[in-house]
PDB file of N, CA and C in Angstrom:
ATOM      1  N   UNK A   1      -7.683 -36.526  65.620  1.00  0.00           N
ATOM      2  CA  UNK A   1      -8.803 -36.760  66.535  1.00  0.00           C
ATOM      3  C   UNK A   1      -9.234 -38.228  66.384  1.00  0.00           C
ATOM      4  N   UNK A   2      -9.487 -38.842  67.553  1.00  0.00           N
ATOM      5  CA  UNK A   2      -9.931 -40.227  67.554  1.00  0.00           C
ATOM      6  C   UNK A   2     -11.219 -40.249  68.328  1.00  0.00           C
ATOM      7  N   UNK A   3     -12.234 -40.859  67.737  1.00  0.00           N
ATOM      8  CA  UNK A   3     -13.585 -40.968  68.290  1.00  0.00           C
ATOM      9  C   UNK A   3     -13.812 -42.428  68.662  1.00  0.00           C
ATOM     10  N   UNK A   4     -14.178 -42.665  69.925  1.00  0.00           N
ATOM     11  CA  UNK A   4     -14.458 -44.010  70.383  1.00  0.00           C
ATOM     12  C   UNK A   4     -15.911 -44.111  70.684  1.00  0.00           C
ATOM     13  N   UNK A   5     -16.523 -45.251  70.366  1.00  0.00           N
ATOM     14  CA  UNK A   5     -17.924 -45.450  70.643  1.00  0.00           C
ATOM     15  C   UNK A   5     -18.402 -46.763  70.027  1.00  0.00           C
ATOM     16  N   UNK A   6     -19.742 -46.815  69.831  1.00  0.00           N
ATOM     17  CA  UNK A   6     -20.401 -47.951  69.234  1.00  0.00           C
ATOM     18  C   UNK A   6     -21.114 -47.447  68.000  1.00  0.00           C
ATOM     19  N   UNK A   7     -20.869 -48.101  66.889  1.00  0.00           N
ATOM     20  CA  UNK A   7     -21.359 -47.612  65.590  1.00  0.00           C
ATOM     21  C   UNK A   7     -22.885 -47.374  65.601  1.00  0.00           C
ATOM     22  N   UNK A   8     -23.641 -48.216  66.273  1.00  0.00           N
ATOM     23  CA  UNK A   8     -25.106 -48.069  66.255  1.00  0.00           C
ATOM     24  C   UNK A   8     -25.693 -47.142  67.279  1.00  0.00           C
ATOM     25  N   UNK A   9     -24.872 -46.556  68.129  1.00  0.00           N
ATOM     26  CA  UNK A   9     -25.302 -45.635  69.140  1.00  0.00           C
ATOM     27  C   UNK A   9     -25.791 -44.342  68.490  1.00  0.00           C
ATOM     28  N   UNK A  10     -26.977 -43.884  68.814  1.00  0.00           N
ATOM     29  CA  UNK A  10     -27.554 -42.660  68.250  1.00  0.00           C
ATOM     30  C   UNK A  10     -26.647 -41.448  68.495  1.00  0.00           C
ATOM     31  N   UNK A  11     -26.118 -41.315  69.658  1.00  0.00           N
ATOM     32  CA  UNK A  11     -25.273 -40.158  69.984  1.00  0.00           C
ATOM     33  C   UNK A  11     -24.010 -40.215  69.181  1.00  0.00           C
ATOM     34  N   UNK A  12     -23.413 -41.353  69.020  1.00  0.00           N
ATOM     35  CA  UNK A  12     -22.226 -41.524  68.166  1.00  0.00           C
ATOM     36  C   UNK A  12     -22.559 -41.157  66.722  1.00  0.00           C
ATOM     37  N   UNK A  13     -23.713 -41.600  66.265  1.00  0.00           N
ATOM     38  CA  UNK A  13     -24.118 -41.252  64.870  1.00  0.00           C
ATOM     39  C   UNK A  13     -24.251 -39.778  64.699  1.00  0.00           C
ATOM     40  N   UNK A  14     -24.843 -39.063  65.691  1.00  0.00           N
ATOM     41  CA  UNK A  14     -24.953 -37.602  65.610  1.00  0.00           C
ATOM     42  C   UNK A  14     -23.581 -36.943  65.581  1.00  0.00           C
ATOM     43  N   UNK A  15     -22.705 -37.438  66.440  1.00  0.00           N
ATOM     44  CA  UNK A  15     -21.358 -36.881  66.542  1.00  0.00           C
ATOM     45  C   UNK A  15     -20.594 -37.075  65.236  1.00  0.00           C
ATOM     46  N   UNK A  16     -20.671 -38.250  64.661  1.00  0.00           N
ATOM     47  CA  UNK A  16     -19.989 -38.544  63.403  1.00  0.00           C
ATOM     48  C   UNK A  16     -20.551 -37.677  62.247  1.00  0.00           C
ATOM     49  N   UNK A  17     -21.879 -37.526  62.240  1.00  0.00           N
ATOM     50  CA  UNK A  17     -22.518 -36.717  61.243  1.00  0.00           C
ATOM     51  C   UNK A  17     -22.044 -35.267  61.344  1.00  0.00           C
ATOM     52  N   UNK A  18     -22.024 -34.766  62.566  1.00  0.00           N
ATOM     53  CA  UNK A  18     -21.570 -33.370  62.829  1.00  0.00           C
ATOM     54  C   UNK A  18     -20.114 -33.191  62.337  1.00  0.00           C
ATOM     55  N   UNK A  19     -19.232 -34.124  62.686  1.00  0.00           N
ATOM     56  CA  UNK A  19     -17.828 -34.043  62.250  1.00  0.00           C
ATOM     57  C   UNK A  19     -17.750 -34.021  60.766  1.00  0.00           C
ATOM     58  N   UNK A  20     -18.511 -34.914  60.117  1.00  0.00           N
ATOM     59  CA  UNK A  20     -18.512 -34.974  58.639  1.00  0.00           C
ATOM     60  C   UNK A  20     -18.999 -33.693  58.031  1.00  0.00           C
ATOM     61  N   UNK A  21     -20.041 -33.109  58.607  1.00  0.00           N
ATOM     62  CA  UNK A  21     -20.582 -31.833  58.088  1.00  0.00           C
ATOM     63  C   UNK A  21     -19.644 -30.683  58.276  1.00  0.00           C
ATOM     64  N   UNK A  22     -18.813 -30.768  59.283  1.00  0.00           N
ATOM     65  CA  UNK A  22     -17.800 -29.696  59.553  1.00  0.00           C
ATOM     66  C   UNK A  22     -16.517 -29.906  58.725  1.00  0.00           C
ATOM     67  N   UNK A  23     -16.454 -31.072  58.062  1.00  0.00           N
ATOM     68  CA  UNK A  23     -15.255 -31.402  57.284  1.00  0.00           C
ATOM     69  C   UNK A  23     -14.068 -31.739  58.156  1.00  0.00           C
ATOM     70  N   UNK A  24     -14.334 -32.268  59.327  1.00  0.00           N
ATOM     71  CA  UNK A  24     -13.257 -32.582  60.267  1.00  0.00           C
ATOM     72  C   UNK A  24     -12.934 -34.063  60.152  1.00  0.00           C
ATOM     73  N   UNK A  25     -11.677 -34.369  59.917  1.00  0.00           N
ATOM     74  CA  UNK A  25     -11.283 -35.775  59.768  1.00  0.00           C
ATOM     75  C   UNK A  25     -11.062 -36.338  61.185  1.00  0.00           C
ATOM     76  N   UNK A  26     -11.393 -37.605  61.281  1.00  0.00           N
ATOM     77  CA  UNK A  26     -11.259 -38.322  62.548  1.00  0.00           C
ATOM     78  C   UNK A  26     -11.114 -39.782  62.298  1.00  0.00           C
ATOM     79  N   UNK A  27     -10.562 -40.468  63.238  1.00  0.00           N
ATOM     80  CA  UNK A  27     -10.471 -41.916  63.172  1.00  0.00           C
ATOM     81  C   UNK A  27     -11.512 -42.471  64.175  1.00  0.00           C
ATOM     82  N   UNK A  28     -12.303 -43.459  63.693  1.00  0.00           N
ATOM     83  CA  UNK A  28     -13.356 -44.029  64.519  1.00  0.00           C
ATOM     84  C   UNK A  28     -12.928 -45.410  65.039  1.00  0.00           C
ATOM     85  N   UNK A  29     -13.102 -45.608  66.333  1.00  0.00           N
ATOM     86  CA  UNK A  29     -12.776 -46.913  66.940  1.00  0.00           C
ATOM     87  C   UNK A  29     -14.053 -47.409  67.628  1.00  0.00           C
ATOM     88  N   UNK A  30     -14.610 -48.486  67.077  1.00  0.00           N
ATOM     89  CA  UNK A  30     -15.796 -49.094  67.629  1.00  0.00           C
ATOM     90  C   UNK A  30     -15.391 -50.068  68.729  1.00  0.00           C
ATOM     91  N   UNK A  31     -15.530 -49.680  69.987  1.00  0.00           N
ATOM     92  CA  UNK A  31     -15.033 -50.551  71.042  1.00  0.00           C
ATOM     93  C   UNK A  31     -15.896 -51.715  71.276  1.00  0.00           C
ATOM     94  N   UNK A  32     -17.071 -51.781  70.680  1.00  0.00           N
ATOM     95  CA  UNK A  32     -17.908 -53.003  70.762  1.00  0.00           C
ATOM     96  C   UNK A  32     -17.260 -54.043  69.857  1.00  0.00           C
ATOM     97  N   UNK A  33     -16.801 -53.623  68.656  1.00  0.00           N
ATOM     98  CA  UNK A  33     -16.276 -54.528  67.675  1.00  0.00           C
ATOM     99  C   UNK A  33     -14.731 -54.715  67.840  1.00  0.00           C
ATOM    100  N   UNK A  34     -14.043 -53.616  68.117  1.00  0.00           N
ATOM    101  CA  UNK A  34     -12.586 -53.643  68.156  1.00  0.00           C
ATOM    102  C   UNK A  34     -12.008 -53.778  69.598  1.00  0.00           C
ATOM    103  N   UNK A  35     -12.866 -53.711  70.585  1.00  0.00           N
ATOM    104  CA  UNK A  35     -12.378 -53.869  71.948  1.00  0.00           C
ATOM    105  C   UNK A  35     -11.838 -52.609  72.534  1.00  0.00           C
ATOM    106  N   UNK A  36     -11.494 -52.672  73.777  1.00  0.00           N
ATOM    107  CA  UNK A  36     -10.908 -51.550  74.545  1.00  0.00           C
ATOM    108  C   UNK A  36      -9.968 -52.121  75.531  1.00  0.00           C
ATOM    109  N   UNK A  37      -8.729 -51.607  75.578  1.00  0.00           N
ATOM    110  CA  UNK A  37      -7.761 -52.153  76.540  1.00  0.00           C
ATOM    111  C   UNK A  37      -7.835 -51.366  77.833  1.00  0.00           C
ATOM    112  N   UNK A  38      -7.413 -52.076  78.874  1.00  0.00           N
ATOM    113  CA  UNK A  38      -7.392 -51.452  80.174  1.00  0.00           C
ATOM    114  C   UNK A  38      -6.564 -50.200  80.344  1.00  0.00           C
ATOM    115  N   UNK A  39      -5.425 -50.171  79.639  1.00  0.00           N
ATOM    116  CA  UNK A  39      -4.551 -49.010  79.757  1.00  0.00           C
ATOM    117  C   UNK A  39      -5.216 -47.758  79.181  1.00  0.00           C
ATOM    118  N   UNK A  40      -5.938 -47.923  78.072  1.00  0.00           N
ATOM    119  CA  UNK A  40      -6.645 -46.749  77.449  1.00  0.00           C
ATOM    120  C   UNK A  40      -7.747 -46.311  78.396  1.00  0.00           C
ATOM    121  N   UNK A  41      -8.508 -47.236  78.954  1.00  0.00           N
ATOM    122  CA  UNK A  41      -9.608 -46.866  79.901  1.00  0.00           C
ATOM    123  C   UNK A  41      -8.991 -46.170  81.090  1.00  0.00           C
ATOM    124  N   UNK A  42      -7.876 -46.648  81.619  1.00  0.00           N
ATOM    125  CA  UNK A  42      -7.229 -46.008  82.735  1.00  0.00           C
ATOM    126  C   UNK A  42      -6.841 -44.552  82.427  1.00  0.00           C
ATOM    127  N   UNK A  43      -6.329 -44.316  81.206  1.00  0.00           N
ATOM    128  CA  UNK A  43      -6.017 -42.938  80.777  1.00  0.00           C
ATOM    129  C   UNK A  43      -7.234 -42.044  80.817  1.00  0.00           C
ATOM    130  N   UNK A  44      -8.332 -42.565  80.277  1.00  0.00           N
ATOM    131  CA  UNK A  44      -9.586 -41.783  80.317  1.00  0.00           C
ATOM    132  C   UNK A  44      -9.994 -41.492  81.736  1.00  0.00           C
ATOM    133  N   UNK A  45      -9.933 -42.476  82.593  1.00  0.00           N
ATOM    134  CA  UNK A  45     -10.337 -42.325  84.003  1.00  0.00           C
ATOM    135  C   UNK A  45      -9.542 -41.247  84.670  1.00  0.00           C
ATOM    136  N   UNK A  46      -8.246 -41.236  84.362  1.00  0.00           N
ATOM    137  CA  UNK A  46      -7.362 -40.190  84.966  1.00  0.00           C
ATOM    138  C   UNK A  46      -7.718 -38.830  84.395  1.00  0.00           C
ATOM    139  N   UNK A  47      -8.072 -38.769  83.146  1.00  0.00           N
ATOM    140  CA  UNK A  47      -8.354 -37.475  82.501  1.00  0.00           C
ATOM    141  C   UNK A  47      -9.658 -36.864  82.882  1.00  0.00           C
ATOM    142  N   UNK A  48     -10.720 -37.731  82.973  1.00  0.00           N
ATOM    143  CA  UNK A  48     -12.066 -37.150  83.174  1.00  0.00           C
ATOM    144  C   UNK A  48     -12.795 -37.760  84.423  1.00  0.00           C
ATOM    145  N   UNK A  49     -12.215 -38.813  85.013  1.00  0.00           N
ATOM    146  CA  UNK A  49     -12.855 -39.488  86.123  1.00  0.00           C
ATOM    147  C   UNK A  49     -13.803 -40.561  85.720  1.00  0.00           C
ATOM    148  N   UNK A  50     -13.774 -41.640  86.474  1.00  0.00           N
ATOM    149  CA  UNK A  50     -14.621 -42.803  86.114  1.00  0.00           C
ATOM    150  C   UNK A  50     -16.070 -42.478  86.229  1.00  0.00           C
ATOM    151  N   UNK A  51     -16.449 -41.512  87.084  1.00  0.00           N
ATOM    152  CA  UNK A  51     -17.877 -41.169  87.254  1.00  0.00           C
ATOM    153  C   UNK A  51     -18.475 -40.617  85.991  1.00  0.00           C
ATOM    154  N   UNK A  52     -17.729 -39.822  85.232  1.00  0.00           N
ATOM    155  CA  UNK A  52     -18.189 -39.244  83.980  1.00  0.00           C
ATOM    156  C   UNK A  52     -18.263 -40.298  82.907  1.00  0.00           C
ATOM    157  N   UNK A  53     -17.348 -41.263  82.903  1.00  0.00           N
ATOM    158  CA  UNK A  53     -17.340 -42.322  81.859  1.00  0.00           C
ATOM    159  C   UNK A  53     -18.469 -43.327  82.047  1.00  0.00           C
ATOM    160  N   UNK A  54     -18.894 -43.562  83.263  1.00  0.00           N
ATOM    161  CA  UNK A  54     -19.899 -44.567  83.572  1.00  0.00           C
ATOM    162  C   UNK A  54     -21.276 -44.052  83.269  1.00  0.00           C
ATOM    163  N   UNK A  55     -21.947 -44.639  82.263  1.00  0.00           N
ATOM    164  CA  UNK A  55     -23.268 -44.214  81.863  1.00  0.00           C
ATOM    165  C   UNK A  55     -24.313 -44.848  82.763  1.00  0.00           C
ATOM    166  N   UNK A  56     -24.839 -44.007  83.686  1.00  0.00           N
ATOM    167  CA  UNK A  56     -25.826 -44.500  84.650  1.00  0.00           C
ATOM    168  C   UNK A  56     -27.271 -44.394  84.120  1.00  0.00           C
ATOM    169  N   UNK A  57     -27.415 -43.952  82.922  1.00  0.00           N
ATOM    170  CA  UNK A  57     -28.775 -43.745  82.343  1.00  0.00           C
ATOM    171  C   UNK A  57     -29.174 -44.887  81.369  1.00  0.00           C
ATOM    172  N   UNK A  58     -28.250 -45.695  80.969  1.00  0.00           N
ATOM    173  CA  UNK A  58     -28.525 -46.720  79.983  1.00  0.00           C
ATOM    174  C   UNK A  58     -29.053 -48.022  80.538  1.00  0.00           C
ATOM    175  N   UNK A  59     -29.470 -48.876  79.641  1.00  0.00           N
ATOM    176  CA  UNK A  59     -30.013 -50.163  80.043  1.00  0.00           C
ATOM    177  C   UNK A  59     -28.960 -51.068  80.650  1.00  0.00           C
ATOM    178  N   UNK A  60     -27.702 -50.932  80.215  1.00  0.00           N
ATOM    179  CA  UNK A  60     -26.660 -51.777  80.797  1.00  0.00           C
ATOM    180  C   UNK A  60     -26.479 -51.516  82.268  1.00  0.00           C
ATOM    181  N   UNK A  61     -26.583 -50.269  82.688  1.00  0.00           N
ATOM    182  CA  UNK A  61     -26.491 -49.892  84.097  1.00  0.00           C
ATOM    183  C   UNK A  61     -27.705 -50.444  84.839  1.00  0.00           C
ATOM    184  N   UNK A  62     -28.858 -50.281  84.275  1.00  0.00           N
ATOM    185  CA  UNK A  62     -30.085 -50.778  84.960  1.00  0.00           C
ATOM    186  C   UNK A  62     -30.093 -52.284  85.088  1.00  0.00           C
ATOM    187  N   UNK A  63     -29.403 -53.019  84.237  1.00  0.00           N
ATOM    188  CA  UNK A  63     -29.379 -54.505  84.297  1.00  0.00           C
ATOM    189  C   UNK A  63     -28.452 -54.987  85.387  1.00  0.00           C
ATOM    190  N   UNK A  64     -27.584 -54.083  85.918  1.00  0.00           N
ATOM    191  CA  UNK A  64     -26.701 -54.504  87.029  1.00  0.00           C
ATOM    192  C   UNK A  64     -27.531 -54.695  88.283  1.00  0.00           C
ATOM    193  N   UNK A  65     -27.065 -55.605  89.116  1.00  0.00           N
ATOM    194  CA  UNK A  65     -27.758 -55.826  90.370  1.00  0.00           C
ATOM    195  C   UNK A  65     -27.756 -54.580  91.272  1.00  0.00           C
ATOM    196  N   UNK A  66     -28.729 -54.474  92.151  1.00  0.00           N
ATOM    197  CA  UNK A  66     -28.722 -53.338  93.072  1.00  0.00           C
ATOM    198  C   UNK A  66     -27.466 -53.293  93.921  1.00  0.00           C
ATOM    199  N   UNK A  67     -26.997 -54.484  94.311  1.00  0.00           N
ATOM    200  CA  UNK A  67     -25.820 -54.549  95.152  1.00  0.00           C
ATOM    201  C   UNK A  67     -24.623 -53.963  94.373  1.00  0.00           C
ATOM    202  N   UNK A  68     -24.446 -54.318  93.131  1.00  0.00           N
ATOM    203  CA  UNK A  68     -23.329 -53.785  92.354  1.00  0.00           C
ATOM    204  C   UNK A  68     -23.458 -52.278  92.174  1.00  0.00           C
ATOM    205  N   UNK A  69     -24.634 -51.801  91.845  1.00  0.00           N
ATOM    206  CA  UNK A  69     -24.836 -50.349  91.641  1.00  0.00           C
ATOM    207  C   UNK A  69     -24.611 -49.608  92.952  1.00  0.00           C
ATOM    208  N   UNK A  70     -25.100 -50.145  94.083  1.00  0.00           N
ATOM    209  CA  UNK A  70     -24.981 -49.467  95.358  1.00  0.00           C
ATOM    210  C   UNK A  70     -23.559 -49.413  95.908  1.00  0.00           C
ATOM    211  N   UNK A  71     -22.708 -50.326  95.442  1.00  0.00           N
ATOM    212  CA  UNK A  71     -21.343 -50.395  96.022  1.00  0.00           C
ATOM    213  C   UNK A  71     -20.283 -50.074  94.920  1.00  0.00           C
ATOM    214  N   UNK A  72     -20.702 -49.395  93.893  1.00  0.00           N
ATOM    215  CA  UNK A  72     -19.765 -49.092  92.759  1.00  0.00           C
ATOM    216  C   UNK A  72     -18.583 -48.277  93.298  1.00  0.00           C
ATOM    217  N   UNK A  73     -17.424 -48.626  92.854  1.00  0.00           N
ATOM    218  CA  UNK A  73     -16.172 -47.918  93.231  1.00  0.00           C
ATOM    219  C   UNK A  73     -15.371 -47.720  91.937  1.00  0.00           C
ATOM    220  N   UNK A  74     -14.232 -47.038  92.070  1.00  0.00           N
ATOM    221  CA  UNK A  74     -13.405 -46.783  90.903  1.00  0.00           C
ATOM    222  C   UNK A  74     -12.954 -48.118  90.281  1.00  0.00           C
ATOM    223  N   UNK A  75     -12.530 -49.056  91.134  1.00  0.00           N
ATOM    224  CA  UNK A  75     -12.041 -50.324  90.599  1.00  0.00           C
ATOM    225  C   UNK A  75     -13.175 -51.172  89.999  1.00  0.00           C
ATOM    226  N   UNK A  76     -14.293 -51.248  90.686  1.00  0.00           N
ATOM    227  CA  UNK A  76     -15.393 -52.059  90.145  1.00  0.00           C
ATOM    228  C   UNK A  76     -15.942 -51.453  88.873  1.00  0.00           C
ATOM    229  N   UNK A  77     -16.001 -50.113  88.838  1.00  0.00           N
ATOM    230  CA  UNK A  77     -16.444 -49.435  87.613  1.00  0.00           C
ATOM    231  C   UNK A  77     -15.499 -49.736  86.462  1.00  0.00           C
ATOM    232  N   UNK A  78     -14.226 -49.679  86.713  1.00  0.00           N
ATOM    233  CA  UNK A  78     -13.230 -49.978  85.696  1.00  0.00           C
ATOM    234  C   UNK A  78     -13.458 -51.390  85.120  1.00  0.00           C
ATOM    235  N   UNK A  79     -13.572 -52.334  86.021  1.00  0.00           N
ATOM    236  CA  UNK A  79     -13.790 -53.729  85.661  1.00  0.00           C
ATOM    237  C   UNK A  79     -15.072 -53.900  84.809  1.00  0.00           C
ATOM    238  N   UNK A  80     -16.144 -53.269  85.283  1.00  0.00           N
ATOM    239  CA  UNK A  80     -17.438 -53.341  84.586  1.00  0.00           C
ATOM    240  C   UNK A  80     -17.316 -52.745  83.203  1.00  0.00           C
ATOM    241  N   UNK A  81     -16.654 -51.572  83.101  1.00  0.00           N
ATOM    242  CA  UNK A  81     -16.554 -50.925  81.756  1.00  0.00           C
ATOM    243  C   UNK A  81     -15.695 -51.731  80.804  1.00  0.00           C
ATOM    244  N   UNK A  82     -14.674 -52.407  81.307  1.00  0.00           N
ATOM    245  CA  UNK A  82     -13.863 -53.277  80.434  1.00  0.00           C
ATOM    246  C   UNK A  82     -14.656 -54.503  79.983  1.00  0.00           C
ATOM    247  N   UNK A  83     -15.399 -55.061  80.921  1.00  0.00           N
ATOM    248  CA  UNK A  83     -16.198 -56.267  80.670  1.00  0.00           C
ATOM    249  C   UNK A  83     -17.353 -55.984  79.689  1.00  0.00           C
ATOM    250  N   UNK A  84     -17.953 -54.820  79.834  1.00  0.00           N
ATOM    251  CA  UNK A  84     -19.102 -54.510  79.022  1.00  0.00           C
ATOM    252  C   UNK A  84     -19.032 -53.021  78.581  1.00  0.00           C
ATOM    253  N   UNK A  85     -18.428 -52.768  77.429  1.00  0.00           N
ATOM    254  CA  UNK A  85     -18.150 -51.424  76.978  1.00  0.00           C
ATOM    255  C   UNK A  85     -19.396 -50.664  76.680  1.00  0.00           C
ATOM    256  N   UNK A  86     -20.551 -51.317  76.619  1.00  0.00           N
ATOM    257  CA  UNK A  86     -21.821 -50.592  76.387  1.00  0.00           C
ATOM    258  C   UNK A  86     -22.168 -49.673  77.518  1.00  0.00           C
ATOM    259  N   UNK A  87     -21.540 -49.856  78.687  1.00  0.00           N
ATOM    260  CA  UNK A  87     -21.836 -49.025  79.839  1.00  0.00           C
ATOM    261  C   UNK A  87     -21.035 -47.718  79.845  1.00  0.00           C
ATOM    262  N   UNK A  88     -20.118 -47.575  78.893  1.00  0.00           N
ATOM    263  CA  UNK A  88     -19.324 -46.360  78.807  1.00  0.00           C
ATOM    264  C   UNK A  88     -20.145 -45.274  78.085  1.00  0.00           C
ATOM    265  N   UNK A  89     -20.185 -44.089  78.689  1.00  0.00           N
ATOM    266  CA  UNK A  89     -20.860 -42.971  78.041  1.00  0.00           C
ATOM    267  C   UNK A  89     -20.139 -42.636  76.728  1.00  0.00           C
ATOM    268  N   UNK A  90     -20.931 -42.398  75.696  1.00  0.00           N
ATOM    269  CA  UNK A  90     -20.375 -42.219  74.369  1.00  0.00           C
ATOM    270  C   UNK A  90     -20.789 -40.872  73.748  1.00  0.00           C
ATOM    271  N   UNK A  91     -19.995 -40.461  72.783  1.00  0.00           N
ATOM    272  CA  UNK A  91     -18.655 -40.961  72.409  1.00  0.00           C
ATOM    273  C   UNK A  91     -17.570 -40.416  73.359  1.00  0.00           C
ATOM    274  N   UNK A  92     -16.439 -41.085  73.291  1.00  0.00           N
ATOM    275  CA  UNK A  92     -15.247 -40.600  73.957  1.00  0.00           C
ATOM    276  C   UNK A  92     -14.309 -40.102  72.848  1.00  0.00           C
ATOM    277  N   UNK A  93     -13.803 -38.868  73.008  1.00  0.00           N
ATOM    278  CA  UNK A  93     -12.967 -38.283  71.964  1.00  0.00           C
ATOM    279  C   UNK A  93     -11.583 -37.922  72.578  1.00  0.00           C
ATOM    280  N   UNK A  94     -10.588 -38.328  71.869  1.00  0.00           N
ATOM    281  CA  UNK A  94      -9.219 -37.886  72.216  1.00  0.00           C
ATOM    282  C   UNK A  94      -8.854 -36.855  71.138  1.00  0.00           C
ATOM    283  N   UNK A  95      -8.540 -35.657  71.620  1.00  0.00           N
ATOM    284  CA  UNK A  95      -8.190 -34.544  70.710  1.00  0.00           C
ATOM    285  C   UNK A  95      -7.120 -33.660  71.278  1.00  0.00           C
ATOM    286  N   UNK A  96      -6.001 -33.602  70.596  1.00  0.00           N
ATOM    287  CA  UNK A  96      -4.890 -32.762  71.062  1.00  0.00           C
ATOM    288  C   UNK A  96      -4.522 -32.932  72.529  1.00  0.00           C
ATOM    289  N   UNK A  97      -4.388 -34.180  72.914  1.00  0.00           N
ATOM    290  CA  UNK A  97      -3.983 -34.521  74.260  1.00  0.00           C
ATOM    291  C   UNK A  97      -5.047 -34.442  75.343  1.00  0.00           C
ATOM    292  N   UNK A  98      -6.281 -34.151  74.951  1.00  0.00           N
ATOM    293  CA  UNK A  98      -7.313 -34.114  75.977  1.00  0.00           C
ATOM    294  C   UNK A  98      -8.398 -35.173  75.651  1.00  0.00           C
ATOM    295  N   UNK A  99      -9.248 -35.436  76.629  1.00  0.00           N
ATOM    296  CA  UNK A  99     -10.294 -36.413  76.500  1.00  0.00           C
ATOM    297  C   UNK A  99     -11.616 -35.706  76.766  1.00  0.00           C
ATOM    298  N   UNK A 100     -12.605 -35.982  75.911  1.00  0.00           N
ATOM    299  CA  UNK A 100     -13.944 -35.411  76.021  1.00  0.00           C
ATOM    300  C   UNK A 100     -14.943 -36.560  75.985  1.00  0.00           C
ATOM    301  N   UNK A 101     -16.021 -36.450  76.766  1.00  0.00           N
ATOM    302  CA  UNK A 101     -17.021 -37.517  76.826  1.00  0.00           C
ATOM    303  C   UNK A 101     -18.391 -36.928  76.505  1.00  0.00           C
ATOM    304  N   UNK A 102     -19.145 -37.591  75.612  1.00  0.00           N
ATOM    305  CA  UNK A 102     -20.466 -37.139  75.268  1.00  0.00           C
ATOM    306  C   UNK A 102     -20.411 -36.249  74.064  1.00  0.00           C
ATOM    307  N   UNK A 103     -21.565 -35.891  73.529  1.00  0.00           N
ATOM    308  CA  UNK A 103     -21.607 -35.014  72.371  1.00  0.00           C
ATOM    309  C   UNK A 103     -22.508 -33.803  72.593  1.00  0.00           C
ATOM    310  N   UNK A 104     -21.939 -32.633  72.358  1.00  0.00           N
ATOM    311  CA  UNK A 104     -22.679 -31.365  72.363  1.00  0.00           C
ATOM    312  C   UNK A 104     -21.987 -30.532  71.264  1.00  0.00           C
ATOM    313  N   UNK A 105     -22.763 -30.221  70.240  1.00  0.00           N
ATOM    314  CA  UNK A 105     -22.193 -29.512  69.109  1.00  0.00           C
ATOM    315  C   UNK A 105     -21.494 -28.211  69.470  1.00  0.00           C
ATOM    316  N   UNK A 106     -22.080 -27.412  70.379  1.00  0.00           N
ATOM    317  CA  UNK A 106     -21.436 -26.146  70.791  1.00  0.00           C
ATOM    318  C   UNK A 106     -20.122 -26.382  71.521  1.00  0.00           C
ATOM    319  N   UNK A 107     -20.115 -27.376  72.405  1.00  0.00           N
ATOM    320  CA  UNK A 107     -18.878 -27.701  73.142  1.00  0.00           C
ATOM    321  C   UNK A 107     -17.799 -28.216  72.156  1.00  0.00           C
ATOM    322  N   UNK A 108     -18.234 -29.001  71.246  1.00  0.00           N
ATOM    323  CA  UNK A 108     -17.288 -29.542  70.271  1.00  0.00           C
ATOM    324  C   UNK A 108     -16.730 -28.475  69.377  1.00  0.00           C
ATOM    325  N   UNK A 109     -17.536 -27.519  68.962  1.00  0.00           N
ATOM    326  CA  UNK A 109     -17.043 -26.423  68.125  1.00  0.00           C
ATOM    327  C   UNK A 109     -15.973 -25.660  68.861  1.00  0.00           C
ATOM    328  N   UNK A 110     -16.156 -25.440  70.164  1.00  0.00           N
ATOM    329  CA  UNK A 110     -15.138 -24.769  70.981  1.00  0.00           C
ATOM    330  C   UNK A 110     -13.921 -25.605  71.145  1.00  0.00           C
ATOM    331  N   UNK A 111     -14.094 -26.901  71.332  1.00  0.00           N
ATOM    332  CA  UNK A 111     -12.949 -27.816  71.504  1.00  0.00           C
ATOM    333  C   UNK A 111     -12.072 -27.831  70.260  1.00  0.00           C
ATOM    334  N   UNK A 112     -12.691 -27.824  69.105  1.00  0.00           N
ATOM    335  CA  UNK A 112     -11.956 -27.984  67.844  1.00  0.00           C
ATOM    336  C   UNK A 112     -11.302 -26.706  67.390  1.00  0.00           C
ATOM    337  N   UNK A 113     -11.871 -25.586  67.727  1.00  0.00           N
ATOM    338  CA  UNK A 113     -11.275 -24.313  67.263  1.00  0.00           C
ATOM    339  C   UNK A 113     -10.294 -23.727  68.243  1.00  0.00           C
TER     340      UNK A 113
END
C-alpha cells in the first residue's frame, strides 16, 4: 500500500494514525516534499477521474481566479494539480492495483479486507 499526501494535512494524519492502529504497513509519499510526476497523476485521473482528485473545498481552490475555476477542464485541472499539489484531495492511496481518494475508516476497512 502506498499513501500519497502532505504530512501536515489533518486528513492524512488521521489516515496514517488509523493505518498504524490497524497494524497495516504502508509507504508514505509526501508530494509536497517529494513531488509528483505527471504520469502518476494521469494514472490516478484515469482510475478515479480528475473531478474526484481536485479538491474544490480547500483554500488553494478558492485562491484561483474566477475565470480559472469557471473554465476548469481535464487538462487545466491536470496542470494545476501538478503545479500545486496542495489542490489534490488527500490522501490518495494505491492498494492492490486500485486507487482510492480521501479517508473514511469504514471504507478503508472494506478496501483492506
